[in-house]
């Protein structure tokens, strides 16, 4: 009886760890479809920290999406659909509000917005029609939420809310004049007690003043703002503790061979290993994404790798399993399981790994030199 109870307890513990481990994965493969977990600005993250997931396939010969790409909320509500060909966004695109209403519909040509895009309010009424050609835009129509026409000839006052700034989540109100479909004269961006002022002439940016910062390039005010679905980034090397606590001292970060600078310790070892693999097998071009967990006991588990070269993915699974010298993250001084993700490129035989990023945009306290 005691033996049976012990087996049941062990089975229960293993099942709980498996469930927890699934929450720490960055990607999952199902047949030829990859599920990529993304945070609220479109960067790869672990599942338990994700705001959405991308469902896609990769081309066999390159690290490009193939055909239809879909983004969903974590409760499986469709958010975005688009199509890829030849490494570019090409074809119809649709974005949805959380209530299921269409946010916008349009078309891409070689990853540039093309032709007429229609934007809608959450209540289903049309907001605006924008005509895109190559890298220029023409705001043709603008409507109020109640359906009233503000203008339909590309001329009038414009006001809306946008997410202003790359990889940002904060919305601002922008307002100004549209003349012949383009920004003209004085425009403002307001919110959180701050105002940015920019000046345009026939759509051309002249100058801006953002909280006393004067600039003549890279305007903060744009027609539609930042769109995370068009800026998904899975080219990362990052580690995230299971609790996702965002405040650490340097000494509490994940370490490899007594250093928290994994770009200086782990990256050279992986690169050297893959260069040897390339030389032995005449490998020149491939991609590989790797994930694993450093447990509280500093063991490596749930090692997985996906590549367009099966030899590379199998090799990386084995190679990672042989590594020793990890010391898991200890936020607030308590050891936690830590999820690690690495994206690797090999181009013309040269291995390329992005800079290491611990916990994404974490706040690092006690900013003293790391080891």
Protein backbone atom coordinates (compact mmCIF):
# COMPACT_ATOMS: atom_id res chain seq x y z
CA UNK A 1 0.00 0.00 0.00
CA UNK A 2 2.80 2.41 0.91
CA UNK A 3 4.50 1.54 -2.40
CA UNK A 4 1.32 2.35 -4.33
CA UNK A 5 0.89 5.68 -2.53
CA UNK A 6 4.51 6.59 -3.31
CA UNK A 7 3.96 5.84 -7.00
CA UNK A 8 0.78 7.95 -7.05
CA UNK A 9 2.54 10.86 -5.36
CA UNK A 10 5.44 10.65 -7.81
CA UNK A 11 3.02 10.53 -10.77
CA UNK A 12 1.12 13.53 -9.42
CA UNK A 13 4.33 15.52 -8.92
CA UNK A 14 5.52 14.71 -12.46
CA UNK A 15 2.14 15.70 -13.89
CA UNK A 16 2.19 19.02 -12.06
CA UNK A 17 5.71 19.78 -13.30
CA UNK A 18 4.70 18.89 -16.87
CA UNK A 19 1.78 21.30 -16.65
CA UNK A 20 4.04 24.02 -15.25
CA UNK A 21 6.70 23.34 -17.89
CA UNK A 22 4.12 23.81 -20.64
CA UNK A 23 3.47 27.30 -19.27
CA UNK A 24 7.19 28.10 -19.63
CA UNK A 25 7.50 27.20 -23.32
CA UNK A 26 8.13 29.89 -25.94
CA UNK A 27 6.97 27.84 -28.90
CA UNK A 28 5.18 24.60 -29.70
CA UNK A 29 5.15 22.52 -32.87
CA UNK A 30 2.01 20.73 -34.06
CA UNK A 31 2.56 18.85 -37.32
CA UNK A 32 4.06 21.55 -39.56
CA UNK A 33 2.45 24.46 -37.69
CA UNK A 34 4.36 26.49 -35.10
CA UNK A 35 2.69 28.26 -32.20
CA UNK A 36 4.73 31.28 -31.03
CA UNK A 37 3.85 32.98 -27.74
CA UNK A 38 4.05 36.79 -27.77
CA UNK A 39 3.86 39.60 -25.23
CA UNK A 40 1.86 42.83 -25.50
CA UNK A 41 4.31 44.45 -27.92
CA UNK A 42 4.79 41.39 -30.15
CA UNK A 43 8.05 39.99 -28.72
CA UNK A 44 8.55 36.26 -28.10
CA UNK A 45 7.88 35.30 -24.48
CA UNK A 46 6.93 32.28 -22.40
CA UNK A 47 3.33 31.07 -22.54
CA UNK A 48 2.38 32.10 -19.00
CA UNK A 49 3.45 35.66 -19.81
CA UNK A 50 1.86 35.84 -23.26
CA UNK A 51 -0.92 38.17 -24.39
CA UNK A 52 -1.37 36.36 -27.70
CA UNK A 53 0.01 33.57 -29.83
CA UNK A 54 0.94 33.38 -33.50
CA UNK A 55 -0.01 30.34 -35.57
CA UNK A 56 2.22 30.00 -38.64
CA UNK A 57 4.40 27.84 -40.84
CA UNK A 58 7.97 28.57 -41.87
CA UNK A 59 9.46 28.16 -45.32
CA UNK A 60 11.68 25.09 -45.70
CA UNK A 61 14.72 27.02 -46.91
CA UNK A 62 14.55 30.29 -44.95
CA UNK A 63 13.35 31.84 -41.69
CA UNK A 64 10.28 33.37 -43.33
CA UNK A 65 6.62 32.76 -42.73
CA UNK A 66 4.81 30.78 -45.41
CA UNK A 67 1.27 31.46 -46.59
CA UNK A 68 -1.36 32.26 -43.92
CA UNK A 69 -0.38 33.69 -40.53
CA UNK A 70 -2.89 34.11 -37.69
CA UNK A 71 -2.67 35.80 -34.29
CA UNK A 72 -5.02 34.82 -31.46
CA UNK A 73 -5.73 35.93 -27.91
CA UNK A 74 -4.79 33.39 -25.26
CA UNK A 75 -8.46 32.38 -25.05
CA UNK A 76 -8.44 31.57 -28.79
CA UNK A 77 -10.15 34.66 -30.20
CA UNK A 78 -8.87 35.63 -33.63
CA UNK A 79 -6.99 38.95 -33.66
CA UNK A 80 -5.21 39.14 -37.00
CA UNK A 81 -4.80 37.30 -40.30
CA UNK A 82 -2.28 37.96 -43.06
CA UNK A 83 -0.45 36.17 -45.86
CA UNK A 84 3.23 35.80 -46.71
CA UNK A 85 5.02 34.88 -49.93
CA UNK A 86 8.67 35.20 -50.96
CA UNK A 87 9.56 36.41 -47.48
CA UNK A 88 7.16 39.38 -47.59
CA UNK A 89 3.67 40.28 -46.52
CA UNK A 90 1.56 39.94 -49.65
CA UNK A 91 -2.21 39.89 -49.97
CA UNK A 92 -5.18 40.55 -47.72
CA UNK A 93 -4.86 41.45 -44.05
CA UNK A 94 -7.55 41.78 -41.39
CA UNK A 95 -7.30 42.87 -37.75
CA UNK A 96 -10.08 42.35 -35.20
CA UNK A 97 -11.21 43.99 -31.98
CA UNK A 98 -11.61 41.82 -28.86
CA UNK A 99 -15.40 41.91 -29.42
CA UNK A 100 -14.95 40.24 -32.83
CA UNK A 101 -15.64 43.36 -34.89
CA UNK A 102 -13.21 44.15 -37.72
CA UNK A 103 -10.63 46.80 -36.80
CA UNK A 104 -9.24 47.16 -40.32
CA UNK A 105 -8.93 45.40 -43.66
CA UNK A 106 -6.35 46.08 -46.33
CA UNK A 107 -3.71 44.67 -48.63
CA UNK A 108 0.06 44.29 -48.57
CA UNK A 109 2.46 44.30 -51.51
CA UNK A 110 6.06 43.33 -50.74
CA UNK A 111 5.51 44.18 -47.04
CA UNK A 112 4.21 47.68 -47.80
CA UNK A 113 0.61 48.73 -47.26
CA UNK A 114 -1.07 48.98 -50.63
CA UNK A 115 -4.37 50.17 -52.12
CA UNK A 116 -7.34 51.22 -49.97
CA UNK A 117 -7.45 50.25 -46.29
CA UNK A 118 -10.71 50.53 -44.38
CA UNK A 119 -10.67 51.16 -40.62
CA UNK A 120 -13.64 50.68 -38.28
CA UNK A 121 -14.75 51.62 -34.78
CA UNK A 122 -15.49 48.85 -32.24
CA UNK A 123 -19.23 49.42 -32.86
CA UNK A 124 -18.77 48.41 -36.52
CA UNK A 125 -19.10 51.89 -38.05
CA UNK A 126 -16.46 53.00 -40.54
CA UNK A 127 -13.75 55.24 -39.08
CA UNK A 128 -11.62 56.11 -42.11
CA UNK A 129 -10.42 55.09 -45.55
CA UNK A 130 -6.70 55.40 -46.30
CA UNK A 131 -5.17 54.91 -49.74
CA UNK A 132 -1.60 53.56 -49.73
CA UNK A 133 0.81 53.55 -52.66
CA UNK A 134 4.37 52.32 -52.24
CA UNK A 135 5.47 54.14 -49.05
CA UNK A 136 2.95 57.02 -49.04
CA UNK A 137 -0.55 57.36 -47.60
CA UNK A 138 -3.61 59.44 -48.50
CA UNK A 139 -6.37 59.89 -45.90
CA UNK A 140 -9.46 60.04 -48.10
CA UNK A 141 -12.40 59.66 -45.68
CA UNK A 142 -12.95 60.21 -41.97
CA UNK A 143 -16.12 59.49 -39.97
CA UNK A 144 -17.40 60.02 -36.42
CA UNK A 145 -18.28 57.02 -34.24
CA UNK A 146 -21.99 57.63 -34.88
CA UNK A 147 -21.45 57.34 -38.64
CA UNK A 148 -21.48 61.07 -39.41
CA UNK A 149 -19.10 62.09 -42.21
CA UNK A 150 -16.34 64.43 -41.04
CA UNK A 151 -14.85 64.63 -44.54
CA UNK A 152 -14.81 62.49 -47.68
CA UNK A 153 -12.54 64.49 -50.00
CA UNK A 154 -9.22 64.28 -48.14
CA UNK A 155 -9.62 67.69 -46.51
CA UNK A 156 -10.63 68.51 -42.92
CA UNK A 157 -9.80 68.22 -39.25
CA UNK A 158 -8.63 64.86 -37.97
CA UNK A 159 -8.51 63.46 -34.44
CA UNK A 160 -7.96 59.91 -33.21
CA UNK A 161 -6.13 57.73 -30.70
CA UNK A 162 -2.91 55.89 -31.64
CA UNK A 163 -0.17 53.92 -29.90
CA UNK A 164 2.73 56.28 -30.38
CA UNK A 165 6.22 54.81 -30.32
CA UNK A 166 7.84 51.56 -31.42
CA UNK A 167 7.20 48.63 -29.04
CA UNK A 168 5.02 50.82 -26.81
CA UNK A 169 1.55 50.19 -25.36
CA UNK A 170 0.48 53.72 -24.36
CA UNK A 171 -2.20 55.47 -26.44
CA UNK A 172 -2.19 59.19 -27.23
CA UNK A 173 -4.67 61.53 -28.90
CA UNK A 174 -3.38 63.08 -32.12
CA UNK A 175 -5.09 65.96 -33.93
CA UNK A 176 -4.43 68.32 -36.83
CA UNK A 177 -5.45 69.29 -40.34
CA UNK A 178 -5.58 67.03 -43.37
CA UNK A 179 -5.04 68.80 -46.69
CA UNK A 180 -5.29 66.83 -49.91
CA UNK A 181 -5.11 63.64 -47.88
CA UNK A 182 -1.88 64.53 -46.07
CA UNK A 183 -0.76 66.01 -42.75
CA UNK A 184 -0.47 69.79 -42.98
CA UNK A 185 0.36 72.56 -40.54
CA UNK A 186 0.45 72.12 -36.76
CA UNK A 187 -0.29 68.72 -35.20
CA UNK A 188 -0.43 67.76 -31.55
CA UNK A 189 -0.04 64.53 -29.59
CA UNK A 190 -1.49 64.75 -26.10
CA UNK A 191 -1.87 62.46 -23.12
CA UNK A 192 -0.76 61.96 -19.51
CA UNK A 193 -0.34 65.70 -19.02
CA UNK A 194 2.14 66.07 -21.87
CA UNK A 195 1.87 67.58 -25.34
CA UNK A 196 4.05 67.00 -28.39
CA UNK A 197 3.82 69.50 -31.25
CA UNK A 198 4.90 68.75 -34.82
CA UNK A 199 4.70 70.68 -38.08
CA UNK A 200 4.08 69.30 -41.56
CA UNK A 201 3.86 70.73 -45.05
CA UNK A 202 1.95 68.71 -47.67
CA UNK A 203 2.70 65.53 -45.73
CA UNK A 204 6.39 66.29 -45.25
CA UNK A 205 7.61 66.46 -41.66
CA UNK A 206 9.31 69.78 -40.87
CA UNK A 207 10.10 69.79 -37.14
CA UNK A 208 8.81 68.72 -33.73
CA UNK A 209 9.00 69.57 -30.05
CA UNK A 210 8.44 66.77 -27.56
CA UNK A 211 8.73 67.96 -23.95
CA UNK A 212 11.50 70.39 -24.91
CA UNK A 213 13.31 67.95 -27.23
CA UNK A 214 13.58 69.61 -30.67
CA UNK A 215 13.95 67.24 -33.64
CA UNK A 216 13.73 67.32 -37.44
CA UNK A 217 13.62 63.58 -38.21
CA UNK A 218 11.50 60.61 -37.11
CA UNK A 219 8.13 62.23 -36.27
CA UNK A 220 6.28 60.86 -33.23
CA UNK A 221 2.89 61.52 -34.83
CA UNK A 222 1.79 59.06 -37.51
CA UNK A 223 -1.54 58.23 -39.10
CA UNK A 224 -2.14 54.79 -37.54
CA UNK A 225 0.64 54.39 -34.93
CA UNK A 226 2.46 51.24 -33.83
CA UNK A 227 0.94 47.91 -34.87
CA UNK A 228 2.38 44.96 -32.93
CA UNK A 229 1.15 42.42 -35.50
CA UNK A 230 3.39 43.99 -38.16
CA UNK A 231 6.33 44.10 -35.76
CA UNK A 232 6.49 40.62 -34.21
CA UNK A 233 10.04 39.85 -33.09
CA UNK A 234 11.17 36.28 -32.43
CA UNK A 235 14.86 36.98 -33.12
CA UNK A 236 15.79 36.96 -29.43
CA UNK A 237 18.05 35.38 -26.82
CA UNK A 238 16.26 35.74 -23.51
CA UNK A 239 15.64 34.16 -20.12
CA UNK A 240 12.53 34.66 -17.97
CA UNK A 241 11.96 33.35 -14.43
CA UNK A 242 8.69 31.49 -13.88
CA UNK A 243 7.27 34.23 -11.64
CA UNK A 244 8.17 36.93 -14.21
CA UNK A 245 9.13 39.31 -11.40
CA UNK A 246 10.48 42.40 -13.12
CA UNK A 247 12.89 43.74 -10.47
CA UNK A 248 16.29 42.15 -9.92
CA UNK A 249 19.77 42.83 -8.75
CA UNK A 250 22.56 41.66 -11.03
CA UNK A 251 23.40 38.90 -8.57
CA UNK A 252 19.87 37.49 -8.84
CA UNK A 253 19.93 37.02 -12.62
CA UNK A 254 20.44 33.71 -14.41
CA UNK A 255 24.11 32.79 -14.58
CA UNK A 256 26.23 30.53 -16.74
CA UNK A 257 29.70 29.64 -15.50
CA UNK A 258 29.49 32.26 -12.72
CA UNK A 259 28.52 35.09 -15.06
CA UNK A 260 25.19 36.76 -15.80
CA UNK A 261 26.58 38.00 -19.13
CA UNK A 262 25.49 35.04 -21.24
CA UNK A 263 26.46 36.81 -24.47
CA UNK A 264 30.06 36.55 -23.22
CA UNK A 265 29.88 32.99 -21.88
CA UNK A 266 27.17 30.85 -23.49
CA UNK A 267 27.02 32.51 -26.91
CA UNK A 268 30.70 31.84 -27.83
CA UNK A 269 30.35 28.19 -26.79
CA UNK A 270 27.23 27.65 -28.91
CA UNK A 271 28.81 29.45 -31.86
CA UNK A 272 31.99 27.40 -31.62
CA UNK A 273 30.04 24.16 -31.39
CA UNK A 274 27.90 24.99 -34.43
CA UNK A 275 30.91 26.13 -36.45
CA UNK A 276 32.47 22.71 -35.86
CA UNK A 277 29.19 21.07 -36.89
CA UNK A 278 29.12 23.20 -40.03
CA UNK A 279 32.67 22.30 -40.98
CA UNK A 280 32.13 18.58 -40.44
CA UNK A 281 28.90 18.44 -42.43
CA UNK A 282 29.28 21.26 -44.97
CA UNK A 283 26.38 23.23 -43.50
CA UNK A 284 26.03 26.83 -44.65
CA UNK A 285 22.52 28.24 -44.21
CA UNK A 286 19.89 27.34 -41.63
CA UNK A 287 17.91 28.67 -38.69
CA UNK A 288 17.19 27.11 -35.31
CA UNK A 289 15.11 28.14 -32.29
CA UNK A 290 15.90 26.53 -28.95
CA UNK A 291 14.11 26.46 -25.62
CA UNK A 292 14.83 24.85 -22.26
CA UNK A 293 14.22 25.28 -18.54
CA UNK A 294 16.87 25.78 -15.85
CA UNK A 295 15.21 24.29 -12.76
CA UNK A 296 15.51 25.46 -9.17
CA UNK A 297 18.11 22.69 -8.78
CA UNK A 298 20.07 24.08 -11.79
CA UNK A 299 19.18 21.12 -14.00
CA UNK A 300 18.29 21.52 -17.69
CA UNK A 301 14.92 20.02 -18.65
CA UNK A 302 12.29 20.29 -21.39
CA UNK A 303 14.95 20.91 -24.02
CA UNK A 304 13.50 21.46 -27.48
CA UNK A 305 14.78 22.76 -30.79
CA UNK A 306 13.16 23.53 -34.13
CA UNK A 307 15.08 24.09 -37.36
CA UNK A 308 14.73 23.85 -41.11
CA UNK A 309 17.61 21.36 -40.84
CA UNK A 310 16.75 18.22 -38.84
CA UNK A 311 20.43 17.47 -38.23
CA UNK A 312 20.85 20.88 -36.57
CA UNK A 313 17.76 20.59 -34.37
CA UNK A 314 18.73 17.09 -33.19
CA UNK A 315 22.28 18.19 -32.54
CA UNK A 316 21.21 21.23 -30.53
CA UNK A 317 18.89 19.17 -28.34
CA UNK A 318 21.77 16.87 -27.47
CA UNK A 319 24.32 19.66 -27.11
CA UNK A 320 22.20 21.71 -24.70
CA UNK A 321 21.62 18.58 -22.59
CA UNK A 322 25.40 18.25 -22.09
CA UNK A 323 25.89 21.78 -20.74
CA UNK A 324 26.64 22.33 -17.06
CA UNK A 325 27.36 25.44 -15.06
CA UNK A 326 23.94 27.12 -15.02
CA UNK A 327 22.74 28.82 -11.86
CA UNK A 328 19.07 29.68 -12.03
CA UNK A 329 17.60 33.11 -11.35
CA UNK A 330 16.88 34.05 -7.74
CA UNK A 331 14.43 36.96 -7.69
CA UNK A 332 14.10 38.24 -4.13
CA UNK A 333 16.78 35.66 -3.24
CA UNK A 334 14.58 32.62 -3.91
CA UNK A 335 15.56 30.15 -6.66
CA UNK A 336 13.00 29.76 -9.46
CA UNK A 337 12.67 27.72 -12.61
CA UNK A 338 13.91 29.90 -15.47
CA UNK A 339 12.83 29.57 -19.12
CA UNK A 340 15.46 30.20 -21.81
CA UNK A 341 14.92 30.90 -25.53
CA UNK A 342 17.61 31.29 -28.20
CA UNK A 343 17.15 32.11 -31.89
CA UNK A 344 20.10 31.12 -34.07
CA UNK A 345 20.93 31.91 -37.69
CA UNK A 346 23.67 30.45 -39.85
CA UNK A 347 24.40 32.46 -42.97
CA UNK A 348 27.11 31.32 -45.37
CA UNK A 349 28.56 29.16 -42.62
CA UNK A 350 28.69 31.97 -40.04
CA UNK A 351 26.67 31.59 -36.84
CA UNK A 352 24.65 34.62 -35.68
CA UNK A 353 23.04 34.84 -32.22
CA UNK A 354 21.28 37.99 -30.89
CA UNK A 355 22.47 39.80 -27.77
CA UNK A 356 21.28 38.27 -24.52
CA UNK A 357 18.23 39.91 -22.96
CA UNK A 358 17.32 38.90 -19.40
CA UNK A 359 13.58 39.02 -18.68
CA UNK A 360 12.84 41.36 -21.59
CA UNK A 361 12.33 44.90 -20.33
CA UNK A 362 12.98 44.08 -16.67
CA UNK A 363 13.95 46.73 -14.15
CA UNK A 364 17.42 45.94 -12.85
CA UNK A 365 18.04 47.35 -9.38
CA UNK A 366 21.33 48.03 -7.63
CA UNK A 367 23.09 48.76 -10.90
CA UNK A 368 26.52 47.48 -9.99
CA UNK A 369 28.85 45.77 -12.48
CA UNK A 370 27.90 42.15 -13.09
CA UNK A 371 30.39 39.31 -13.03
